C-alpha atoms as a PDB file:
ATOM      1  CA  UNK A   1     -58.740  59.888 -34.919  1.00  0.00           C
ATOM      2  CA  UNK A   2     -55.163  58.818 -35.502  1.00  0.00           C
ATOM      3  CA  UNK A   3     -53.643  55.355 -35.081  1.00  0.00           C
ATOM      4  CA  UNK A   4     -52.208  55.988 -31.726  1.00  0.00           C
ATOM      5  CA  UNK A   5     -55.360  56.834 -30.228  1.00  0.00           C
ATOM      6  CA  UNK A   6     -57.035  53.609 -31.663  1.00  0.00           C
ATOM      7  CA  UNK A   7     -54.301  51.327 -30.498  1.00  0.00           C
ATOM      8  CA  UNK A   8     -53.240  53.012 -27.121  1.00  0.00           C
ATOM      9  CA  UNK A   9     -49.521  53.130 -28.439  1.00  0.00           C
ATOM     10  CA  UNK A  10     -47.147  56.008 -28.256  1.00  0.00           C
ATOM     11  CA  UNK A  11     -45.300  57.608 -31.218  1.00  0.00           C
ATOM     12  CA  UNK A  12     -41.717  58.256 -30.164  1.00  0.00           C
ATOM     13  CA  UNK A  13     -38.220  58.032 -31.475  1.00  0.00           C
ATOM     14  CA  UNK A  14     -38.613  54.371 -31.353  1.00  0.00           C
ATOM     15  CA  UNK A  15     -41.558  54.297 -33.732  1.00  0.00           C
ATOM     16  CA  UNK A  16     -44.970  53.079 -32.447  1.00  0.00           C
ATOM     17  CA  UNK A  17     -44.263  50.946 -29.449  1.00  0.00           C
ATOM     18  CA  UNK A  18     -46.519  50.363 -26.512  1.00  0.00           C
ATOM     19  CA  UNK A  19     -45.583  51.331 -23.055  1.00  0.00           C
ATOM     20  CA  UNK A  20     -44.979  47.658 -22.200  1.00  0.00           C
ATOM     21  CA  UNK A  21     -42.293  47.431 -24.933  1.00  0.00           C
ATOM     22  CA  UNK A  22     -40.457  50.535 -23.812  1.00  0.00           C
ATOM     23  CA  UNK A  23     -40.726  49.170 -20.086  1.00  0.00           C
ATOM     24  CA  UNK A  24     -39.401  45.785 -21.407  1.00  0.00           C
ATOM     25  CA  UNK A  25     -36.411  47.503 -23.164  1.00  0.00           C
ATOM     26  CA  UNK A  26     -35.673  49.599 -19.992  1.00  0.00           C
ATOM     27  CA  UNK A  27     -35.712  46.399 -17.919  1.00  0.00           C
ATOM     28  CA  UNK A  28     -33.428  44.700 -20.393  1.00  0.00           C
ATOM     29  CA  UNK A  29     -31.107  47.578 -20.119  1.00  0.00           C
ATOM     30  CA  UNK A  30     -31.185  47.692 -16.251  1.00  0.00           C
ATOM     31  CA  UNK A  31     -30.761  43.842 -16.069  1.00  0.00           C
ATOM     32  CA  UNK A  32     -27.704  44.174 -18.459  1.00  0.00           C
ATOM     33  CA  UNK A  33     -26.136  46.886 -16.433  1.00  0.00           C
ATOM     34  CA  UNK A  34     -26.747  45.117 -13.002  1.00  0.00           C
ATOM     35  CA  UNK A  35     -25.399  41.863 -14.494  1.00  0.00           C
ATOM     36  CA  UNK A  36     -22.369  43.636 -15.721  1.00  0.00           C
ATOM     37  CA  UNK A  37     -21.637  45.286 -12.353  1.00  0.00           C
ATOM     38  CA  UNK A  38     -22.132  42.011 -10.595  1.00  0.00           C
ATOM     39  CA  UNK A  39     -19.712  40.259 -12.844  1.00  0.00           C
ATOM     40  CA  UNK A  40     -17.173  43.127 -12.547  1.00  0.00           C
ATOM     41  CA  UNK A  41     -17.503  43.068  -8.690  1.00  0.00           C
ATOM     42  CA  UNK A  42     -17.085  39.305  -8.625  1.00  0.00           C
ATOM     43  CA  UNK A  43     -14.008  39.655 -10.894  1.00  0.00           C
ATOM     44  CA  UNK A  44     -12.690  42.275  -8.523  1.00  0.00           C
ATOM     45  CA  UNK A  45     -13.251  40.098  -5.538  1.00  0.00           C
ATOM     46  CA  UNK A  46     -11.416  37.163  -7.255  1.00  0.00           C
ATOM     47  CA  UNK A  47      -8.515  39.413  -8.155  1.00  0.00           C
ATOM     48  CA  UNK A  48      -8.225  40.913  -4.707  1.00  0.00           C
ATOM     49  CA  UNK A  49      -8.455  37.339  -3.137  1.00  0.00           C
ATOM     50  CA  UNK A  50      -5.626  36.172  -5.315  1.00  0.00           C
ATOM     51  CA  UNK A  51      -3.661  39.315  -4.407  1.00  0.00           C
ATOM     52  CA  UNK A  52      -4.414  38.926  -0.731  1.00  0.00           C
ATOM     53  CA  UNK A  53      -3.195  35.229  -0.870  1.00  0.00           C
ATOM     54  CA  UNK A  54       0.001  36.363  -2.529  1.00  0.00           C
ATOM     55  CA  UNK A  55       0.307  39.115   0.284  1.00  0.00           C
ATOM     56  CA  UNK A  56      -0.285  36.655   3.002  1.00  0.00           C
ATOM     57  CA  UNK A  57       2.444  34.435   1.699  1.00  0.00           C
ATOM     58  CA  UNK A  58       4.709  37.313   1.436  1.00  0.00           C
ATOM     59  CA  UNK A  59       3.814  38.570   4.934  1.00  0.00           C
ATOM     60  CA  UNK A  60       4.454  35.014   6.355  1.00  0.00           C
ATOM     61  CA  UNK A  61       7.804  34.872   4.596  1.00  0.00           C
ATOM     62  CA  UNK A  62       8.507  38.422   6.104  1.00  0.00           C
ATOM     63  CA  UNK A  63       7.615  37.251   9.615  1.00  0.00           C
ATOM     64  CA  UNK A  64       9.947  34.220   9.237  1.00  0.00           C
ATOM     65  CA  UNK A  65      12.895  36.377   7.894  1.00  0.00           C
ATOM     66  CA  UNK A  66      12.280  38.919  10.682  1.00  0.00           C
ATOM     67  CA  UNK A  67      12.624  36.232  13.289  1.00  0.00           C
ATOM     68  CA  UNK A  68      15.863  35.083  11.639  1.00  0.00           C
ATOM     69  CA  UNK A  69      17.222  38.473  11.778  1.00  0.00           C
ATOM     70  CA  UNK A  70      17.711  38.579  15.378  1.00  0.00           C
ATOM     71  CA  UNK A  71      17.949  41.736  17.620  1.00  0.00           C
ATOM     72  CA  UNK A  72      18.369  45.243  16.267  1.00  0.00           C
ATOM     73  CA  UNK A  73      21.323  46.249  14.318  1.00  0.00           C
ATOM     74  CA  UNK A  74      21.128  49.475  12.098  1.00  0.00           C
ATOM     75  CA  UNK A  75      20.980  47.179   9.072  1.00  0.00           C
ATOM     76  CA  UNK A  76      17.824  45.449  10.674  1.00  0.00           C
ATOM     77  CA  UNK A  77      16.325  48.940  11.243  1.00  0.00           C
ATOM     78  CA  UNK A  78      17.114  49.975   7.685  1.00  0.00           C
ATOM     79  CA  UNK A  79      15.454  46.983   6.172  1.00  0.00           C
ATOM     80  CA  UNK A  80      12.332  47.603   8.394  1.00  0.00           C
ATOM     81  CA  UNK A  81      12.331  51.136   7.307  1.00  0.00           C
ATOM     82  CA  UNK A  82      12.640  50.201   3.640  1.00  0.00           C
ATOM     83  CA  UNK A  83       9.654  47.787   4.234  1.00  0.00           C
ATOM     84  CA  UNK A  84       7.457  50.573   5.725  1.00  0.00           C
ATOM     85  CA  UNK A  85       8.307  53.016   2.990  1.00  0.00           C
ATOM     86  CA  UNK A  86       7.214  50.283   0.402  1.00  0.00           C
ATOM     87  CA  UNK A  87       3.923  49.823   2.204  1.00  0.00           C
ATOM     88  CA  UNK A  88       3.280  53.554   2.408  1.00  0.00           C
ATOM     89  CA  UNK A  89       4.178  53.955  -1.342  1.00  0.00           C
ATOM     90  CA  UNK A  90       1.756  50.994  -2.127  1.00  0.00           C
ATOM     91  CA  UNK A  91      -1.105  52.544  -0.267  1.00  0.00           C
ATOM     92  CA  UNK A  92      -0.530  55.956  -1.958  1.00  0.00           C
ATOM     93  CA  UNK A  93      -0.660  54.106  -5.270  1.00  0.00           C
ATOM     94  CA  UNK A  94      -3.884  52.324  -4.456  1.00  0.00           C
ATOM     95  CA  UNK A  95      -5.543  55.565  -3.305  1.00  0.00           C
ATOM     96  CA  UNK A  96      -4.415  57.349  -6.492  1.00  0.00           C
ATOM     97  CA  UNK A  97      -5.698  54.547  -8.688  1.00  0.00           C
ATOM     98  CA  UNK A  98      -8.960  54.441  -6.673  1.00  0.00           C
ATOM     99  CA  UNK A  99      -9.619  58.085  -7.432  1.00  0.00           C
ATOM    100  CA  UNK A 100      -8.613  57.591 -11.041  1.00  0.00           C
ATOM    101  CA  UNK A 101     -10.772  54.612 -11.568  1.00  0.00           C
ATOM    102  CA  UNK A 102     -13.723  56.405  -9.923  1.00  0.00           C
ATOM    103  CA  UNK A 103     -13.310  59.262 -12.411  1.00  0.00           C
ATOM    104  CA  UNK A 104     -13.109  56.800 -15.388  1.00  0.00           C
ATOM    105  CA  UNK A 105     -16.197  54.982 -14.279  1.00  0.00           C
ATOM    106  CA  UNK A 106     -18.168  58.139 -13.744  1.00  0.00           C
ATOM    107  CA  UNK A 107     -17.019  59.300 -17.265  1.00  0.00           C
ATOM    108  CA  UNK A 108     -18.057  56.019 -18.834  1.00  0.00           C
ATOM    109  CA  UNK A 109     -21.472  56.086 -17.056  1.00  0.00           C
ATOM    110  CA  UNK A 110     -22.125  59.688 -18.101  1.00  0.00           C
ATOM    111  CA  UNK A 111     -21.206  58.844 -21.710  1.00  0.00           C
ATOM    112  CA  UNK A 112     -23.434  55.714 -21.673  1.00  0.00           C
ATOM    113  CA  UNK A 113     -26.329  57.873 -20.559  1.00  0.00           C
ATOM    114  CA  UNK A 114     -25.735  60.418 -23.278  1.00  0.00           C
ATOM    115  CA  UNK A 115     -25.464  57.714 -25.887  1.00  0.00           C
ATOM    116  CA  UNK A 116     -28.637  56.113 -24.553  1.00  0.00           C
ATOM    117  CA  UNK A 117     -30.578  59.259 -24.676  1.00  0.00           C
ATOM    118  CA  UNK A 118     -29.330  60.003 -28.338  1.00  0.00           C
ATOM    119  CA  UNK A 119     -30.662  56.670 -29.554  1.00  0.00           C
ATOM    120  CA  UNK A 120     -33.206  57.119 -32.305  1.00  0.00           C
ATOM    121  CA  UNK A 121     -34.351  53.423 -32.971  1.00  0.00           C
ATOM    122  CA  UNK A 122     -34.760  50.433 -30.894  1.00  0.00           C
ATOM    123  CA  UNK A 123     -31.958  48.686 -32.650  1.00  0.00           C
ATOM    124  CA  UNK A 124     -29.641  51.603 -31.920  1.00  0.00           C
ATOM    125  CA  UNK A 125     -30.896  51.629 -28.265  1.00  0.00           C
ATOM    126  CA  UNK A 126     -30.071  47.976 -27.852  1.00  0.00           C
ATOM    127  CA  UNK A 127     -26.796  48.329 -29.519  1.00  0.00           C
ATOM    128  CA  UNK A 128     -25.850  51.152 -27.135  1.00  0.00           C
ATOM    129  CA  UNK A 129     -26.901  49.138 -24.134  1.00  0.00           C
ATOM    130  CA  UNK A 130     -24.977  46.160 -25.120  1.00  0.00           C
ATOM    131  CA  UNK A 131     -21.866  48.238 -26.079  1.00  0.00           C
ATOM    132  CA  UNK A 132     -22.213  50.217 -22.682  1.00  0.00           C
ATOM    133  CA  UNK A 133     -22.398  46.978 -20.750  1.00  0.00           C
ATOM    134  CA  UNK A 134     -19.331  45.599 -22.509  1.00  0.00           C
ATOM    135  CA  UNK A 135     -17.349  48.775 -21.944  1.00  0.00           C
ATOM    136  CA  UNK A 136     -18.104  48.998 -18.463  1.00  0.00           C
ATOM    137  CA  UNK A 137     -17.218  45.112 -17.858  1.00  0.00           C
ATOM    138  CA  UNK A 138     -14.005  45.565 -19.575  1.00  0.00           C
ATOM    139  CA  UNK A 139     -13.190  48.728 -17.655  1.00  0.00           C
ATOM    140  CA  UNK A 140     -13.997  46.928 -14.393  1.00  0.00           C
ATOM    141  CA  UNK A 141     -11.839  43.864 -15.247  1.00  0.00           C
ATOM    142  CA  UNK A 142      -8.833  46.101 -16.273  1.00  0.00           C
ATOM    143  CA  UNK A 143      -9.114  47.975 -12.926  1.00  0.00           C
ATOM    144  CA  UNK A 144      -9.449  44.661 -10.856  1.00  0.00           C
ATOM    145  CA  UNK A 145      -6.406  43.498 -12.592  1.00  0.00           C
ATOM    146  CA  UNK A 146      -4.591  46.724 -12.073  1.00  0.00           C
ATOM    147  CA  UNK A 147      -5.464  46.620  -8.270  1.00  0.00           C
ATOM    148  CA  UNK A 148      -4.202  43.016  -7.975  1.00  0.00           C
ATOM    149  CA  UNK A 149      -0.931  43.991  -9.687  1.00  0.00           C
ATOM    150  CA  UNK A 150      -0.512  46.780  -7.299  1.00  0.00           C
ATOM    151  CA  UNK A 151      -0.978  44.887  -4.238  1.00  0.00           C
ATOM    152  CA  UNK A 152       1.187  42.078  -5.370  1.00  0.00           C
ATOM    153  CA  UNK A 153       3.939  44.438  -6.391  1.00  0.00           C
ATOM    154  CA  UNK A 154       3.672  46.256  -2.999  1.00  0.00           C
ATOM    155  CA  UNK A 155       3.752  43.074  -0.903  1.00  0.00           C
ATOM    156  CA  UNK A 156       6.908  41.901  -2.893  1.00  0.00           C
ATOM    157  CA  UNK A 157       8.580  45.248  -2.469  1.00  0.00           C
ATOM    158  CA  UNK A 158       7.770  45.104   1.362  1.00  0.00           C
ATOM    159  CA  UNK A 159       9.411  41.630   1.800  1.00  0.00           C
ATOM    160  CA  UNK A 160      12.460  42.158  -0.347  1.00  0.00           C
ATOM    161  CA  UNK A 161      14.469  44.418   2.091  1.00  0.00           C
ATOM    162  CA  UNK A 162      13.837  41.870   4.931  1.00  0.00           C
ATOM    163  CA  UNK A 163      14.549  39.022   2.759  1.00  0.00           C
ATOM    164  CA  UNK A 164      17.852  40.697   1.620  1.00  0.00           C
ATOM    165  CA  UNK A 165      18.826  41.419   5.220  1.00  0.00           C
ATOM    166  CA  UNK A 166      18.052  37.851   6.355  1.00  0.00           C
ATOM    167  CA  UNK A 167      20.279  36.556   3.561  1.00  0.00           C
ATOM    168  CA  UNK A 168      22.958  38.770   4.331  1.00  0.00           C
ATOM    169  CA  UNK A 169      22.756  37.796   8.107  1.00  0.00           C
ATOM    170  CA  UNK A 170      22.548  34.055   7.312  1.00  0.00           C
ATOM    171  CA  UNK A 171      25.649  34.358   5.021  1.00  0.00           C
ATOM    172  CA  UNK A 172      27.576  36.103   7.691  1.00  0.00           C
ATOM    173  CA  UNK A 173      26.755  33.421  10.369  1.00  0.00           C
END
């Protein structure tokens, strides 16, 4: 009778570890992944709230400028058209980035699974889990920052034509 039959442990790439130890390691990995995803989501929400606040301020400024612009001249229509074009371009950029980020996240997840399955020791497995969680968090934070930058840039580009038109109108008065 061998040692594993006597102790009820299993022989695997991790050496002799009981099922409870393997379950604990899996739980640790799952908890780390869930914590990372939660922290990334919270960072994204904070970044989007900041960008939304900046966008709201830009929108309010654009509304105030529009009221000052008065009734429709061709210059006013051109400014509104430029604002619409900037908004559409911003939405297109957001959609493109969302697709790019989805692909990057999927690739990172697939790589993490592959590295996890290739782990030969418990130390290597833990290192892979920590490294994967860190990489996913960094990726999520970078993506949240990029989205916030896009939203802020778009809102500024939307307000600039209106602002310039109002300034021209005020100077002409």
